[in-house]
Amino acid sequence: MIRVLIIEDDVRIAEINRRLVEKVAGYSVVGIATDEQQAKEQLQILMPDLVLLDIYFPDMSGMDFLRYLKQRQSYIDVIMITAAKDMKSVREAIQSGVFDFIMKPVIYERMFETLQKYKQYQHDIKMLSQHNSNVSQQQIDALMRGRIELAMKDPYYPKGIDKLTLDKVLTYVRYLDEGLSAERLGQSIGISRSTARRYLEYLVSEGALRADVQYGSVGRPERVYRII
């Protein structure tokens, strides 16, 4: 089993990520840390194989913690899962050796593919370590190829979900700090209300959004969507 430590200050998001990880065969979440002290203690005690790490915390910087981790336990791999999208954070994370960088809200297919690639990567590392003291260029290329393909490959989406439209929806909802209706989303990005609702419901099914029923002034119920 690949042992995973989740470091995320939002308990709801941490729980969603735990459920996503444990849907993938071969993974076990051994701990959830919500602040710097918990993260350092659990890192030392639990000795995970993989850490899912956010960047923004009230009491620390995820990037600082990434450097702390790599200096002390460099064999532990890290996947950043964060709302940060500035190039500085992306570049620092890559230079610090993260296995992948996933933006919130997390799409399950994207997370699943990353975890499958990481599991294959760990398997290949183990096999090479058991049978070879030295590795060939071809073997190194094979190890690297999975990560490159992950960065380049477009995920598969269900019928009725288009990647370009989904990207527009995600770009809009990432900056949302209040409830969002399908009608408002449609008007904002130029799609019909029914199309907007289809994409919002898809994000609900993926655990990226939650939906509540809100009653207007005339008593008509309306589904309102919020980031989890």
C-alpha atoms as a PDB file:
ATOM      1  CA  MET A   1       0.000   0.000   0.000  1.00  0.00           C
ATOM      2  CA  ILE A   2       1.127   3.552  -0.756  1.00  0.00           C
ATOM      3  CA  ARG A   3       0.796   5.525   2.476  1.00  0.00           C
ATOM      4  CA  VAL A   4      -0.533   9.060   2.012  1.00  0.00           C
ATOM      5  CA  LEU A   5      -0.479  12.056   4.342  1.00  0.00           C
ATOM      6  CA  ILE A   6      -2.854  14.910   3.479  1.00  0.00           C
ATOM      7  CA  ILE A   7      -1.788  18.389   4.601  1.00  0.00           C
ATOM      8  CA  GLU A   8      -4.736  20.736   4.126  1.00  0.00           C
ATOM      9  CA  ASP A   9      -6.136  23.363   6.513  1.00  0.00           C
ATOM     10  CA  ASP A  10      -9.741  23.051   5.266  1.00  0.00           C
ATOM     11  CA  VAL A  11     -11.127  19.940   6.953  1.00  0.00           C
ATOM     12  CA  ARG A  12     -13.896  19.494   4.359  1.00  0.00           C
ATOM     13  CA  ILE A  13     -11.471  19.550   1.445  1.00  0.00           C
ATOM     14  CA  ALA A  14      -9.095  17.225   3.292  1.00  0.00           C
ATOM     15  CA  GLU A  15     -11.920  14.725   3.767  1.00  0.00           C
ATOM     16  CA  ILE A  16     -12.908  14.943   0.095  1.00  0.00           C
ATOM     17  CA  ASN A  17      -9.294  14.346  -0.937  1.00  0.00           C
ATOM     18  CA  ARG A  18      -9.117  11.388   1.452  1.00  0.00           C
ATOM     19  CA  ARG A  19     -12.158   9.818  -0.192  1.00  0.00           C
ATOM     20  CA  LEU A  20     -10.758  10.424  -3.665  1.00  0.00           C
ATOM     21  CA  VAL A  21      -7.414   8.842  -2.769  1.00  0.00           C
ATOM     22  CA  GLU A  22      -8.969   5.792  -1.133  1.00  0.00           C
ATOM     23  CA  LYS A  23     -11.090   5.104  -4.215  1.00  0.00           C
ATOM     24  CA  VAL A  24      -7.836   4.171  -5.962  1.00  0.00           C
ATOM     25  CA  ALA A  25      -6.626   0.631  -5.303  1.00  0.00           C
ATOM     26  CA  GLY A  26      -3.272   0.424  -3.559  1.00  0.00           C
ATOM     27  CA  TYR A  27      -3.560   3.643  -1.537  1.00  0.00           C
ATOM     28  CA  SER A  28      -4.184   4.275   2.142  1.00  0.00           C
ATOM     29  CA  VAL A  29      -4.521   7.682   3.835  1.00  0.00           C
ATOM     30  CA  VAL A  30      -2.610   7.383   7.104  1.00  0.00           C
ATOM     31  CA  GLY A  31      -3.161  10.909   8.385  1.00  0.00           C
ATOM     32  CA  ILE A  32      -4.605  14.378   7.878  1.00  0.00           C
ATOM     33  CA  ALA A  33      -2.784  17.466   9.169  1.00  0.00           C
ATOM     34  CA  THR A  34      -4.387  20.918   9.222  1.00  0.00           C
ATOM     35  CA  ASP A  35      -1.533  23.102  10.510  1.00  0.00           C
ATOM     36  CA  GLU A  36       2.259  23.267  10.638  1.00  0.00           C
ATOM     37  CA  GLN A  37       2.715  21.535  13.981  1.00  0.00           C
ATOM     38  CA  GLN A  38       0.459  18.626  13.031  1.00  0.00           C
ATOM     39  CA  ALA A  39       2.142  18.351   9.632  1.00  0.00           C
ATOM     40  CA  LYS A  40       5.658  18.112  11.108  1.00  0.00           C
ATOM     41  CA  GLU A  41       4.608  15.669  13.821  1.00  0.00           C
ATOM     42  CA  GLN A  42       2.694  13.354  11.473  1.00  0.00           C
ATOM     43  CA  LEU A  43       5.431  13.485   8.870  1.00  0.00           C
ATOM     44  CA  GLN A  44       7.932  12.233  11.435  1.00  0.00           C
ATOM     45  CA  ILE A  45       5.673   9.660  13.095  1.00  0.00           C
ATOM     46  CA  LEU A  46       3.764   8.241  10.123  1.00  0.00           C
ATOM     47  CA  MET A  47       6.593   8.224   7.559  1.00  0.00           C
ATOM     48  CA  PRO A  48       4.303   8.409   4.486  1.00  0.00           C
ATOM     49  CA  ASP A  49       5.323   7.574   0.943  1.00  0.00           C
ATOM     50  CA  LEU A  50       3.367  10.469  -0.544  1.00  0.00           C
ATOM     51  CA  VAL A  51       2.151  13.845   0.721  1.00  0.00           C
ATOM     52  CA  LEU A  52      -0.754  15.816  -0.746  1.00  0.00           C
ATOM     53  CA  LEU A  53       0.107  19.417   0.105  1.00  0.00           C
ATOM     54  CA  ASP A  54      -1.725  22.729  -0.164  1.00  0.00           C
ATOM     55  CA  ILE A  55       0.120  26.061  -0.439  1.00  0.00           C
ATOM     56  CA  TYR A  56      -2.050  28.426   1.607  1.00  0.00           C
ATOM     57  CA  PHE A  57      -2.217  27.951   5.394  1.00  0.00           C
ATOM     58  CA  PRO A  58      -3.011  30.460   8.173  1.00  0.00           C
ATOM     59  CA  ASP A  59       0.207  29.609  10.023  1.00  0.00           C
ATOM     60  CA  MET A  60       2.644  28.607   7.278  1.00  0.00           C
ATOM     61  CA  SER A  61       3.500  28.590   3.611  1.00  0.00           C
ATOM     62  CA  GLY A  62       3.099  25.274   1.825  1.00  0.00           C
ATOM     63  CA  MET A  63       6.120  26.127  -0.309  1.00  0.00           C
ATOM     64  CA  ASP A  64       8.247  26.619   2.820  1.00  0.00           C
ATOM     65  CA  PHE A  65       6.975  23.308   4.162  1.00  0.00           C
ATOM     66  CA  LEU A  66       7.820  21.614   0.865  1.00  0.00           C
ATOM     67  CA  ARG A  67      11.412  22.797   1.171  1.00  0.00           C
ATOM     68  CA  TYR A  68      11.474  21.670   4.832  1.00  0.00           C
ATOM     69  CA  LEU A  69      10.255  18.214   3.824  1.00  0.00           C
ATOM     70  CA  LYS A  70      12.716  17.818   0.952  1.00  0.00           C
ATOM     71  CA  GLN A  71      15.650  18.842   3.155  1.00  0.00           C
ATOM     72  CA  ARG A  72      14.819  16.260   5.836  1.00  0.00           C
ATOM     73  CA  GLN A  73      12.978  13.434   4.108  1.00  0.00           C
ATOM     74  CA  SER A  74      13.735  13.796   0.422  1.00  0.00           C
ATOM     75  CA  TYR A  75      12.506  10.270  -0.386  1.00  0.00           C
ATOM     76  CA  ILE A  76       8.902  11.326   0.364  1.00  0.00           C
ATOM     77  CA  ASP A  77       7.116  12.411  -2.781  1.00  0.00           C
ATOM     78  CA  VAL A  78       4.734  15.364  -2.942  1.00  0.00           C
ATOM     79  CA  ILE A  79       1.713  16.254  -5.042  1.00  0.00           C
ATOM     80  CA  MET A  80       0.636  19.867  -4.675  1.00  0.00           C
ATOM     81  CA  ILE A  81      -3.151  20.335  -4.561  1.00  0.00           C
ATOM     82  CA  THR A  82      -3.897  24.028  -4.348  1.00  0.00           C
ATOM     83  CA  ALA A  83      -5.875  27.002  -5.572  1.00  0.00           C
ATOM     84  CA  ALA A  84      -2.596  28.770  -6.388  1.00  0.00           C
ATOM     85  CA  LYS A  85      -2.210  29.359 -10.105  1.00  0.00           C
ATOM     86  CA  ASP A  86       0.570  31.953 -10.287  1.00  0.00           C
ATOM     87  CA  MET A  87       3.598  30.905 -12.292  1.00  0.00           C
ATOM     88  CA  LYS A  88       5.961  31.634  -9.393  1.00  0.00           C
ATOM     89  CA  SER A  89       4.311  28.963  -7.219  1.00  0.00           C
ATOM     90  CA  VAL A  90       4.178  26.478 -10.087  1.00  0.00           C
ATOM     91  CA  ARG A  91       7.839  27.040 -10.914  1.00  0.00           C
ATOM     92  CA  GLU A  92       8.980  26.772  -7.289  1.00  0.00           C
ATOM     93  CA  ALA A  93       7.006  23.579  -6.815  1.00  0.00           C
ATOM     94  CA  ILE A  94       8.483  21.976  -9.936  1.00  0.00           C
ATOM     95  CA  GLN A  95      12.020  23.065  -9.019  1.00  0.00           C
ATOM     96  CA  SER A  96      11.516  21.573  -5.543  1.00  0.00           C
ATOM     97  CA  GLY A  97      10.722  18.209  -7.092  1.00  0.00           C
ATOM     98  CA  VAL A  98       6.958  17.705  -6.759  1.00  0.00           C
ATOM     99  CA  PHE A  99       5.556  14.737  -8.647  1.00  0.00           C
ATOM    100  CA  ASP A 100       2.571  16.743  -9.871  1.00  0.00           C
ATOM    101  CA  PHE A 101       0.709  20.035  -9.405  1.00  0.00           C
ATOM    102  CA  ILE A 102      -3.111  19.864  -9.344  1.00  0.00           C
ATOM    103  CA  MET A 103      -5.320  22.931  -9.153  1.00  0.00           C
ATOM    104  CA  LYS A 104      -8.499  23.216  -7.093  1.00  0.00           C
ATOM    105  CA  PRO A 105     -11.276  22.424  -7.488  1.00  0.00           C
ATOM    106  CA  VAL A 106      -9.979  18.925  -8.103  1.00  0.00           C
ATOM    107  CA  ILE A 107     -11.452  16.895 -10.953  1.00  0.00           C
ATOM    108  CA  TYR A 108     -11.592  13.220  -9.951  1.00  0.00           C
ATOM    109  CA  GLU A 109     -10.357  11.943 -13.344  1.00  0.00           C
ATOM    110  CA  ARG A 110      -7.278  14.172 -13.042  1.00  0.00           C
ATOM    111  CA  MET A 111      -6.547  12.976  -9.511  1.00  0.00           C
ATOM    112  CA  PHE A 112      -7.155   9.338 -10.479  1.00  0.00           C
ATOM    113  CA  GLU A 113      -4.765   9.545 -13.420  1.00  0.00           C
ATOM    114  CA  THR A 114      -2.067  11.145 -11.281  1.00  0.00           C
ATOM    115  CA  LEU A 115      -2.363   8.471  -8.608  1.00  0.00           C
ATOM    116  CA  GLN A 116      -2.267   5.694 -11.198  1.00  0.00           C
ATOM    117  CA  LYS A 117       0.871   7.188 -12.750  1.00  0.00           C
ATOM    118  CA  TYR A 118       2.468   7.560  -9.327  1.00  0.00           C
ATOM    119  CA  LYS A 119       1.662   3.941  -8.448  1.00  0.00           C
ATOM    120  CA  GLN A 120       3.298   2.786 -11.694  1.00  0.00           C
ATOM    121  CA  TYR A 121       6.284   5.051 -10.993  1.00  0.00           C
ATOM    122  CA  GLN A 122       6.721   3.527  -7.526  1.00  0.00           C
ATOM    123  CA  HIS A 123       6.460   0.013  -8.956  1.00  0.00           C
ATOM    124  CA  ASP A 124       9.101   0.761 -11.605  1.00  0.00           C
ATOM    125  CA  ILE A 125      11.449   2.293  -9.031  1.00  0.00           C
ATOM    126  CA  LYS A 126      11.090  -0.772  -6.809  1.00  0.00           C
ATOM    127  CA  MET A 127      11.733  -3.213  -9.645  1.00  0.00           C
ATOM    128  CA  LEU A 128      14.807  -1.340 -10.849  1.00  0.00           C
ATOM    129  CA  SER A 129      16.166  -1.084  -7.314  1.00  0.00           C
ATOM    130  CA  GLN A 130      15.829  -4.839  -6.806  1.00  0.00           C
ATOM    131  CA  HIS A 131      17.463  -5.910 -10.046  1.00  0.00           C
ATOM    132  CA  ASN A 132      19.978  -3.238 -10.971  1.00  0.00           C
ATOM    133  CA  SER A 133      22.645  -1.219  -9.232  1.00  0.00           C
ATOM    134  CA  ASN A 134      22.941   0.942 -12.335  1.00  0.00           C
ATOM    135  CA  VAL A 135      20.220   2.007 -14.756  1.00  0.00           C
ATOM    136  CA  SER A 136      20.272   2.642 -18.470  1.00  0.00           C
ATOM    137  CA  GLN A 137      19.152   5.746 -20.324  1.00  0.00           C
ATOM    138  CA  GLN A 138      16.221   3.741 -21.666  1.00  0.00           C
ATOM    139  CA  GLN A 139      15.073   2.850 -18.146  1.00  0.00           C
ATOM    140  CA  ILE A 140      15.381   6.466 -17.015  1.00  0.00           C
ATOM    141  CA  ASP A 141      13.379   7.571 -20.059  1.00  0.00           C
ATOM    142  CA  ALA A 142      10.643   5.097 -19.148  1.00  0.00           C
ATOM    143  CA  LEU A 143      10.473   6.492 -15.605  1.00  0.00           C
ATOM    144  CA  MET A 144      10.212  10.048 -16.867  1.00  0.00           C
ATOM    145  CA  ARG A 145       7.792   9.287 -19.689  1.00  0.00           C
ATOM    146  CA  GLY A 146       4.809   8.709 -17.414  1.00  0.00           C
ATOM    147  CA  ARG A 147       5.155  12.154 -15.846  1.00  0.00           C
ATOM    148  CA  ILE A 148       5.553  13.860 -19.219  1.00  0.00           C
ATOM    149  CA  GLU A 149       2.504  12.070 -20.630  1.00  0.00           C
ATOM    150  CA  LEU A 150       0.526  13.094 -17.559  1.00  0.00           C
ATOM    151  CA  ALA A 151       1.308  16.737 -18.191  1.00  0.00           C
ATOM    152  CA  MET A 152       0.429  16.549 -21.888  1.00  0.00           C
ATOM    153  CA  LYS A 153      -2.548  14.204 -21.968  1.00  0.00           C
ATOM    154  CA  ASP A 154      -6.102  15.542 -22.060  1.00  0.00           C
ATOM    155  CA  PRO A 155      -8.417  13.703 -19.653  1.00  0.00           C
ATOM    156  CA  TYR A 156     -11.535  11.878 -20.793  1.00  0.00           C
ATOM    157  CA  TYR A 157     -14.852  13.449 -19.861  1.00  0.00           C
ATOM    158  CA  PRO A 158     -18.369  11.997 -19.959  1.00  0.00           C
ATOM    159  CA  LYS A 159     -20.739  12.692 -22.840  1.00  0.00           C
ATOM    160  CA  GLY A 160     -21.919  16.295 -22.841  1.00  0.00           C
ATOM    161  CA  ILE A 161     -18.820  17.638 -21.052  1.00  0.00           C
ATOM    162  CA  ASP A 162     -16.372  19.510 -23.265  1.00  0.00           C
ATOM    163  CA  LYS A 163     -12.872  20.292 -21.966  1.00  0.00           C
ATOM    164  CA  LEU A 164     -12.779  23.867 -23.264  1.00  0.00           C
ATOM    165  CA  THR A 165     -16.166  24.716 -21.752  1.00  0.00           C
ATOM    166  CA  LEU A 166     -15.240  22.982 -18.494  1.00  0.00           C
ATOM    167  CA  ASP A 167     -12.040  25.040 -18.325  1.00  0.00           C
ATOM    168  CA  LYS A 168     -14.109  28.225 -18.692  1.00  0.00           C
ATOM    169  CA  VAL A 169     -16.450  27.088 -15.921  1.00  0.00           C
ATOM    170  CA  LEU A 170     -13.544  26.188 -13.626  1.00  0.00           C
ATOM    171  CA  THR A 171     -11.826  29.510 -14.272  1.00  0.00           C
ATOM    172  CA  TYR A 172     -15.018  31.309 -13.267  1.00  0.00           C
ATOM    173  CA  VAL A 173     -15.835  29.295 -10.147  1.00  0.00           C
ATOM    174  CA  ARG A 174     -12.264  29.364  -8.770  1.00  0.00           C
ATOM    175  CA  TYR A 175     -12.663  33.029  -7.912  1.00  0.00           C
ATOM    176  CA  LEU A 176     -16.178  32.658  -6.508  1.00  0.00           C
ATOM    177  CA  ASP A 177     -16.766  33.554  -2.872  1.00  0.00           C
ATOM    178  CA  GLU A 178     -20.558  33.243  -2.875  1.00  0.00           C
ATOM    179  CA  GLY A 179     -23.336  31.002  -4.169  1.00  0.00           C
ATOM    180  CA  LEU A 180     -23.696  30.612  -7.922  1.00  0.00           C
ATOM    181  CA  SER A 181     -26.805  29.742  -9.924  1.00  0.00           C
ATOM    182  CA  ALA A 182     -26.799  28.050 -13.331  1.00  0.00           C
ATOM    183  CA  GLU A 183     -28.479  31.121 -14.820  1.00  0.00           C
ATOM    184  CA  ARG A 184     -25.781  33.449 -13.527  1.00  0.00           C
ATOM    185  CA  LEU A 185     -22.987  31.189 -14.751  1.00  0.00           C
ATOM    186  CA  GLY A 186     -24.581  30.917 -18.189  1.00  0.00           C
ATOM    187  CA  GLN A 187     -24.922  34.676 -18.538  1.00  0.00           C
ATOM    188  CA  SER A 188     -21.348  35.234 -17.342  1.00  0.00           C
ATOM    189  CA  ILE A 189     -19.554  32.873 -19.732  1.00  0.00           C
ATOM    190  CA  GLY A 190     -22.010  32.828 -22.633  1.00  0.00           C
ATOM    191  CA  ILE A 191     -23.686  29.422 -22.423  1.00  0.00           C
ATOM    192  CA  SER A 192     -27.315  28.396 -21.908  1.00  0.00           C
ATOM    193  CA  ARG A 193     -28.788  27.875 -18.455  1.00  0.00           C
ATOM    194  CA  SER A 194     -29.274  24.144 -19.097  1.00  0.00           C
ATOM    195  CA  THR A 195     -25.663  23.754 -20.260  1.00  0.00           C
ATOM    196  CA  ALA A 196     -24.405  25.683 -17.242  1.00  0.00           C
ATOM    197  CA  ARG A 197     -26.397  23.444 -14.927  1.00  0.00           C
ATOM    198  CA  ARG A 198     -24.990  20.309 -16.597  1.00  0.00           C
ATOM    199  CA  TYR A 199     -21.435  21.461 -15.931  1.00  0.00           C
ATOM    200  CA  LEU A 200     -22.212  22.535 -12.375  1.00  0.00           C
ATOM    201  CA  GLU A 201     -23.839  19.188 -11.619  1.00  0.00           C
ATOM    202  CA  TYR A 202     -20.813  17.444 -13.092  1.00  0.00           C
ATOM    203  CA  LEU A 203     -18.567  19.358 -10.689  1.00  0.00           C
ATOM    204  CA  VAL A 204     -20.881  18.394  -7.829  1.00  0.00           C
ATOM    205  CA  SER A 205     -20.546  14.723  -8.798  1.00  0.00           C
ATOM    206  CA  GLU A 206     -16.749  15.125  -8.815  1.00  0.00           C
ATOM    207  CA  GLY A 207     -16.729  16.615  -5.310  1.00  0.00           C
ATOM    208  CA  ALA A 208     -15.541  20.050  -6.458  1.00  0.00           C
ATOM    209  CA  LEU A 209     -18.797  21.871  -5.674  1.00  0.00           C
ATOM    210  CA  ARG A 210     -21.761  21.376  -3.408  1.00  0.00           C
ATOM    211  CA  ALA A 211     -25.363  22.260  -4.246  1.00  0.00           C
ATOM    212  CA  ASP A 212     -27.960  23.752  -1.903  1.00  0.00           C
ATOM    213  CA  VAL A 213     -31.607  24.621  -2.480  1.00  0.00           C
ATOM    214  CA  GLN A 214     -32.394  28.304  -2.042  1.00  0.00           C
ATOM    215  CA  TYR A 215     -35.856  29.825  -2.126  1.00  0.00           C
ATOM    216  CA  GLY A 216     -36.384  33.169  -3.853  1.00  0.00           C
ATOM    217  CA  SER A 217     -38.760  35.961  -2.950  1.00  0.00           C
ATOM    218  CA  VAL A 218     -41.684  34.248  -4.690  1.00  0.00           C
ATOM    219  CA  GLY A 219     -40.909  30.868  -3.121  1.00  0.00           C
ATOM    220  CA  ARG A 220     -39.454  29.269  -6.239  1.00  0.00           C
ATOM    221  CA  PRO A 221     -36.633  26.862  -5.295  1.00  0.00           C
ATOM    222  CA  GLU A 222     -33.301  27.279  -7.059  1.00  0.00           C
ATOM    223  CA  ARG A 223     -30.127  25.217  -6.869  1.00  0.00           C
ATOM    224  CA  VAL A 224     -27.171  27.280  -5.734  1.00  0.00           C
ATOM    225  CA  TYR A 225     -23.614  25.995  -6.065  1.00  0.00           C
ATOM    226  CA  ARG A 226     -20.633  26.695  -3.838  1.00  0.00           C
ATOM    227  CA  ILE A 227     -16.991  25.629  -3.784  1.00  0.00           C
ATOM    228  CA  ILE A 228     -16.344  22.951  -1.187  1.00  0.00           C
END
